[in-house]
Protein backbone atom coordinates (compact mmCIF):
# COMPACT_ATOMS: atom_id res chain seq x y z
CA MET A 1 92.46 28.79 175.98
CA THR A 2 92.84 27.17 179.47
CA ALA A 3 95.51 29.07 181.13
CA SER A 4 98.25 26.84 182.29
CA PRO A 5 99.05 26.17 186.24
CA LEU A 6 102.12 27.48 185.85
CA ALA A 7 100.45 30.82 184.31
CA VAL A 8 97.80 30.75 186.75
CA VAL A 9 100.45 30.50 189.88
CA ALA A 10 102.71 33.33 188.35
CA ASP A 11 99.61 35.81 188.14
CA ALA A 12 99.35 35.46 192.13
CA VAL A 13 102.77 36.57 193.01
CA SER A 14 105.02 39.43 192.23
CA LEU A 15 107.84 38.84 190.42
CA ARG A 16 109.71 41.93 189.91
CA SER A 17 112.67 40.24 191.22
CA PRO A 18 115.67 41.84 193.17
CA ILE A 19 117.79 40.12 191.42
CA LEU A 20 117.07 42.17 188.61
CA ASP A 21 117.91 45.48 190.36
CA PHE A 22 121.14 45.07 191.41
CA ASP A 23 123.55 47.52 190.10
CA ALA A 24 125.38 46.32 187.16
CA ASP A 25 128.51 47.49 188.24
CA ALA A 26 128.27 45.64 191.25
CA LEU A 27 129.70 42.27 192.01
CA LEU A 28 127.62 39.53 193.34
CA VAL A 29 129.18 36.94 195.54
CA VAL A 30 127.34 33.34 194.91
CA ALA A 31 127.98 30.80 198.06
CA HIS A 32 128.40 27.53 196.45
CA ARG A 33 126.05 25.16 198.17
CA GLY A 34 125.45 28.30 201.15
CA SER A 35 128.82 28.22 203.32
CA TRP A 36 130.28 25.10 204.01
CA VAL A 37 133.31 25.58 205.65
CA GLU A 38 131.57 24.47 209.30
CA ALA A 39 128.13 23.85 208.40
CA PRO A 40 126.88 20.89 205.68
CA GLU A 41 126.89 21.82 202.48
CA ASN A 42 123.48 22.64 201.13
CA SER A 43 121.80 22.67 204.69
CA LEU A 44 119.96 25.00 206.29
CA LEU A 45 122.91 26.38 208.16
CA ALA A 46 125.34 27.17 205.24
CA ILE A 47 122.84 29.27 204.45
CA ARG A 48 122.42 31.23 207.94
CA ASP A 49 126.67 31.07 207.80
CA ALA A 50 126.27 32.83 204.47
CA VAL A 51 123.98 35.13 205.17
CA ARG A 52 126.23 36.33 208.38
CA LEU A 53 129.14 36.80 205.78
CA GLY A 54 127.28 39.18 203.77
CA VAL A 55 127.07 37.51 200.71
CA GLY A 56 124.81 38.54 198.01
CA MET A 57 123.45 35.17 196.92
CA VAL A 58 123.24 31.29 197.93
CA GLU A 59 123.68 28.06 195.14
CA ILE A 60 121.81 25.20 196.59
CA ASP A 61 120.88 21.91 194.26
CA THR A 62 117.95 20.12 194.71
CA ARG A 63 116.81 16.65 193.12
CA ARG A 64 113.48 14.14 193.56
CA ALA A 65 112.87 12.09 196.41
CA ALA A 66 111.02 9.28 195.54
CA ASP A 67 107.70 10.41 195.93
CA GLY A 68 108.60 13.43 193.91
CA ALA A 69 109.39 15.81 196.92
CA PHE A 70 112.05 18.47 195.74
CA MET A 71 115.25 18.07 198.39
CA VAL A 72 118.15 20.15 198.55
CA ILE A 73 120.85 17.74 198.12
CA HIS A 74 124.00 17.56 195.23
CA ASP A 75 124.77 13.95 194.58
CA ARG A 76 122.79 11.71 192.74
CA THR A 77 123.62 9.29 195.90
CA LEU A 78 123.05 9.33 199.85
CA ASP A 79 126.68 8.44 200.36
CA ARG A 80 128.60 11.31 200.74
CA THR A 81 126.65 13.94 202.71
CA THR A 82 124.88 11.79 204.95
CA GLU A 83 124.47 9.22 207.17
CA ALA A 84 122.79 6.76 204.63
CA THR A 85 123.82 4.97 201.08
CA GLY A 86 122.05 4.05 197.89
CA PRO A 87 120.28 6.78 195.11
CA VAL A 88 118.66 9.51 196.65
CA ASP A 89 114.91 8.59 194.60
CA ALA A 90 114.83 5.44 196.53
CA LEU A 91 113.80 7.31 199.78
CA ASP A 92 110.50 9.73 199.98
CA GLY A 93 110.88 13.05 201.24
CA ALA A 94 110.13 12.45 204.86
CA ALA A 95 112.86 9.66 205.23
CA MET A 96 115.35 11.98 203.66
CA GLY A 97 114.25 14.52 205.54
CA ARG A 98 115.23 12.43 209.31
CA LEU A 99 118.83 11.78 207.80
CA ARG A 100 121.31 13.97 209.22
CA LEU A 101 124.26 15.58 207.32
CA ARG A 102 127.70 15.06 207.40
CA ARG A 103 129.92 18.02 208.73
CA SER A 104 131.65 20.47 205.43
CA GLY A 105 131.78 18.64 202.41
CA GLY A 106 130.96 15.42 203.83
CA GLY A 107 132.82 11.98 203.38
CA LYS A 108 133.00 8.98 205.66
CA THR A 109 135.59 10.52 207.58
CA MET A 110 133.13 13.87 208.66
CA PRO A 111 131.73 13.56 211.54
CA LEU A 112 127.64 13.78 211.42
CA THR A 113 125.82 16.73 212.43
CA GLU A 114 122.23 17.56 213.89
CA GLU A 115 121.44 19.07 210.51
CA ARG A 116 118.92 17.00 208.35
CA VAL A 117 118.44 17.03 204.48
CA PRO A 118 116.09 20.02 203.85
CA THR A 119 113.50 20.46 201.58
CA LEU A 120 113.63 22.96 198.77
CA PHE A 121 110.52 24.94 200.37
CA GLU A 122 112.47 24.72 204.05
CA ALA A 123 115.57 25.57 202.05
CA LEU A 124 113.76 29.04 200.50
CA GLU A 125 112.09 29.99 203.58
CA GLU A 126 115.14 30.25 205.55
CA ALA A 127 116.67 32.39 203.02
CA ARG A 128 113.72 34.80 202.58
CA GLY A 129 113.98 38.04 202.45
CA ARG A 130 117.64 37.66 203.85
CA VAL A 131 119.77 36.21 200.86
CA LEU A 132 118.57 35.44 196.96
CA VAL A 133 118.96 31.97 196.06
CA ASN A 134 120.33 30.13 193.03
CA ILE A 135 118.37 26.73 192.40
CA ASP A 136 120.60 24.19 190.70
CA THR A 137 118.05 22.15 188.57
CA LYS A 138 119.96 19.03 186.62
CA SER A 139 118.20 19.08 183.86
CA VAL A 140 116.19 22.02 181.63
CA ALA A 141 113.34 19.30 181.66
CA GLU A 142 112.99 19.58 185.40
CA LEU A 143 112.57 23.28 184.93
CA PRO A 144 108.75 23.33 184.75
CA ALA A 145 108.41 21.37 188.12
CA VAL A 146 110.61 23.72 189.86
CA ALA A 147 109.51 26.47 188.81
CA ARG A 148 105.66 25.59 190.18
CA GLU A 149 107.14 24.72 193.29
CA VAL A 150 108.87 28.14 193.77
CA LEU A 151 106.05 30.14 192.67
CA ARG A 152 103.34 28.29 195.09
CA GLY A 153 105.42 29.02 197.72
CA GLY A 154 105.80 32.32 196.78
CA PHE A 155 109.51 32.51 196.58
CA GLY A 156 109.31 33.88 193.02
CA ALA A 157 111.03 37.45 194.11
CA GLY A 158 113.91 35.88 195.63
CA VAL A 159 115.10 32.97 192.76
CA LEU A 160 117.28 32.60 189.75
CA VAL A 161 116.83 29.25 188.53
CA LYS A 162 119.28 27.66 186.22
CA ALA A 163 120.21 24.56 184.14
CA GLU A 164 123.14 23.60 181.37
CA LEU A 165 121.68 24.46 177.93
CA SER A 166 123.58 24.21 175.33
CA PRO A 167 122.64 26.93 172.01
CA ALA A 168 121.43 23.50 169.95
CA ASP A 169 119.19 22.56 172.86
CA LEU A 170 117.90 26.04 172.83
CA GLY A 171 116.04 25.95 169.74
CA LYS A 172 114.25 22.79 170.83
CA LEU A 173 112.26 24.39 173.62
CA PRO A 174 108.50 25.50 173.44
CA ALA A 175 108.01 29.30 173.42
CA ASP A 176 106.11 28.50 176.80
CA HIS A 177 109.27 27.08 178.42
CA PRO A 178 110.21 28.33 181.85
CA ALA A 179 113.46 28.91 180.38
CA PHE A 180 111.54 32.24 179.08
CA GLY A 181 110.08 33.64 182.35
CA PRO A 182 108.39 33.79 184.14
CA LEU A 183 111.23 33.14 186.77
CA PRO A 184 114.32 34.91 185.93
CA PHE A 185 116.80 32.16 184.27
CA MET A 186 120.03 31.49 183.86
CA PRO A 187 121.20 29.46 181.16
CA VAL A 188 124.53 27.60 181.86
CA ILE A 189 126.72 27.09 178.98
CA ARG A 190 130.51 24.80 178.85
CA SER A 191 132.33 26.26 175.84
CA ALA A 192 135.19 24.30 173.98
CA LYS A 193 138.32 26.16 172.94
CA GLY A 194 137.64 29.32 170.51
CA ARG A 195 133.78 28.75 170.92
CA PHE A 196 133.07 30.75 173.51
CA ALA A 197 131.90 34.25 171.75
CA ALA A 198 129.65 32.39 169.39
CA ASP A 199 128.19 29.78 172.12
CA LEU A 200 127.03 33.57 174.18
CA SER A 201 125.99 35.10 170.64
CA ALA A 202 123.97 31.86 170.30
CA LEU A 203 121.81 32.71 173.55
CA GLY A 204 120.70 35.91 172.12
CA PRO A 205 116.82 34.82 171.90
CA LEU A 206 116.62 34.33 175.81
CA ARG A 207 117.64 37.98 176.17
CA PRO A 208 118.88 36.04 179.64
CA PHE A 209 119.83 38.62 182.60
CA MET A 210 123.03 36.89 183.41
CA ILE A 211 124.90 33.64 181.99
CA GLU A 212 126.93 31.14 184.19
CA ALA A 213 129.50 30.49 181.43
CA CYS A 214 132.60 28.05 181.61
CA PRO A 215 135.02 29.06 178.85
CA TYR A 216 137.79 27.57 178.21
CA ASP A 217 140.46 30.04 179.28
CA VAL A 218 140.79 33.47 180.33
CA ASP A 219 141.30 34.30 176.71
CA ASP A 220 138.40 33.19 175.43
CA LEU A 221 136.82 34.64 178.58
CA GLU A 222 138.06 38.46 177.36
CA ALA A 223 137.23 37.29 173.50
CA GLY A 224 133.65 36.85 174.86
CA MET A 225 133.29 40.03 177.23
CA GLU A 226 132.42 42.27 173.98
CA VAL A 227 129.34 40.14 173.16
CA VAL A 228 128.45 40.10 176.99
CA ARG A 229 128.57 43.90 176.71
CA ASP A 230 126.66 43.95 173.69
CA MET A 231 123.63 41.45 175.08
CA GLY A 232 123.03 43.70 177.89
CA THR A 233 123.80 40.72 180.40
CA ARG A 234 125.92 39.64 182.90
CA LEU A 235 128.29 37.31 183.19
CA TRP A 236 128.70 34.45 186.27
CA ILE A 237 132.08 32.54 186.40
CA ASN A 238 132.85 29.75 188.69
CA THR A 239 136.30 30.16 190.72
CA LEU A 240 135.62 26.61 192.24
CA ASP A 241 138.62 24.40 192.80
CA VAL A 242 136.39 22.59 190.12
CA ALA A 243 136.06 25.40 187.85
CA HIS A 244 137.53 24.58 184.18
CA MET A 245 139.61 28.03 183.65
CA THR A 246 143.35 26.57 184.67
CA HIS A 247 144.45 29.09 187.50
CA PHE A 248 141.39 30.83 188.14
CA ASN A 249 140.47 28.80 191.09
CA ASP A 250 139.47 29.38 194.90
CA ALA A 251 143.27 27.52 195.77
CA ALA A 252 144.80 30.37 193.38
CA ALA A 253 142.82 33.14 194.52
CA ARG A 254 143.80 32.36 198.22
CA LEU A 255 147.52 32.63 197.02
CA ASP A 256 146.76 36.09 195.02
CA ALA A 257 143.45 37.10 194.87
CA ASP A 258 144.13 40.34 192.67
CA ALA A 259 145.36 37.85 189.84
CA VAL A 260 142.04 36.08 190.34
CA TRP A 261 138.78 37.74 191.80
CA GLY A 262 140.28 41.07 190.68
CA ARG A 263 141.43 40.12 187.38
CA LEU A 264 137.65 38.80 186.61
CA MET A 265 136.33 41.92 188.05
CA ASP A 266 137.99 44.00 185.74
CA LEU A 267 136.75 42.13 182.55
CA GLY A 268 134.10 42.53 183.51
CA VAL A 269 132.73 39.84 185.32
CA ARG A 270 129.45 40.54 187.43
CA ALA A 271 129.01 37.26 189.64
CA ILE A 272 131.26 34.69 191.12
CA GLN A 273 130.81 31.71 192.78
CA THR A 274 132.97 30.52 195.19
CA ASP A 275 133.41 28.08 198.29
CA GLU A 276 135.63 30.54 199.72
CA SER A 277 133.12 32.95 200.27
CA GLU A 278 134.73 34.38 203.84
CA ALA A 279 137.91 35.32 201.55
CA LEU A 280 135.92 37.08 198.66
CA THR A 281 133.72 39.34 200.76
CA ALA A 282 137.08 40.19 202.59
CA TYR A 283 138.76 40.96 199.25
CA LEU A 284 135.69 43.05 198.40
CA ALA A 285 135.73 45.14 201.19
CA LYS A 286 139.82 46.18 201.16
CA ARG A 287 138.48 47.12 197.46
CA GLY A 288 136.44 49.41 198.97
CA CYS A 289 132.86 47.60 198.30
CA ALA A 290 130.61 44.77 198.90
CA SER A 291 128.34 41.98 197.27
CA ALA A 292 125.42 43.00 195.77
CA ARG A 293 122.61 42.12 197.94
CA LEU A 294 118.97 42.10 199.22
């Protein structure tokens, strides 16, 4: 039987990822779209700023341009973060790569910068050997192509890929789907009230080393932690201001870090994605620790 192109590429690189090696009790600080307080989100500068702050991982988004090139951009359209308008897939990668990015989180009131929309390859090269990268793919169907791109560039040892994956969808994946390797894959689950523990258990066949979870509330989170421990996995929680758990967001953490970030850590959460990377790393320092990192 002929090996798949993905398997051939995988054989050529070392896939022993440092993502799998950090202390099980350490907290991984994840900079959402890089550190974009000043730098444009999802820019090379945002990655460099996150490295400077000492975070362990940057999260970036990827979408395909008209010619299939993987570009680092969150929205379906160019309107919010660039000088252009229209859908991302209306331009080829070269044209998109010439577009200037707007400062911080974008919007028409934000000034344009000299930062340009990076390719996925450029972003991974910027991070290589300096910080781990989480690639937010927009569907499980895109995972094979994203995995090929990562592996062909030799980035496999520093990358975690993720996609939203419901327990019902898991059973539909073929055995050779990239969700099962060779790159570390993190499923993203969104749970209705009272369903969190059951949703976690349903992911057992993946044997995920980490799960990005959106439980309904902190009571559901606490109820699911026994399942997390039994699975031998780690839990990633978002405290972004658009996060799903009421009162467990960056805005609340700015007022009382112990009640938000500290409570999550005490419950056993081992990765926190935030837009307040500087504040969270400072909070860890006050607790006498630092982000898990390369």
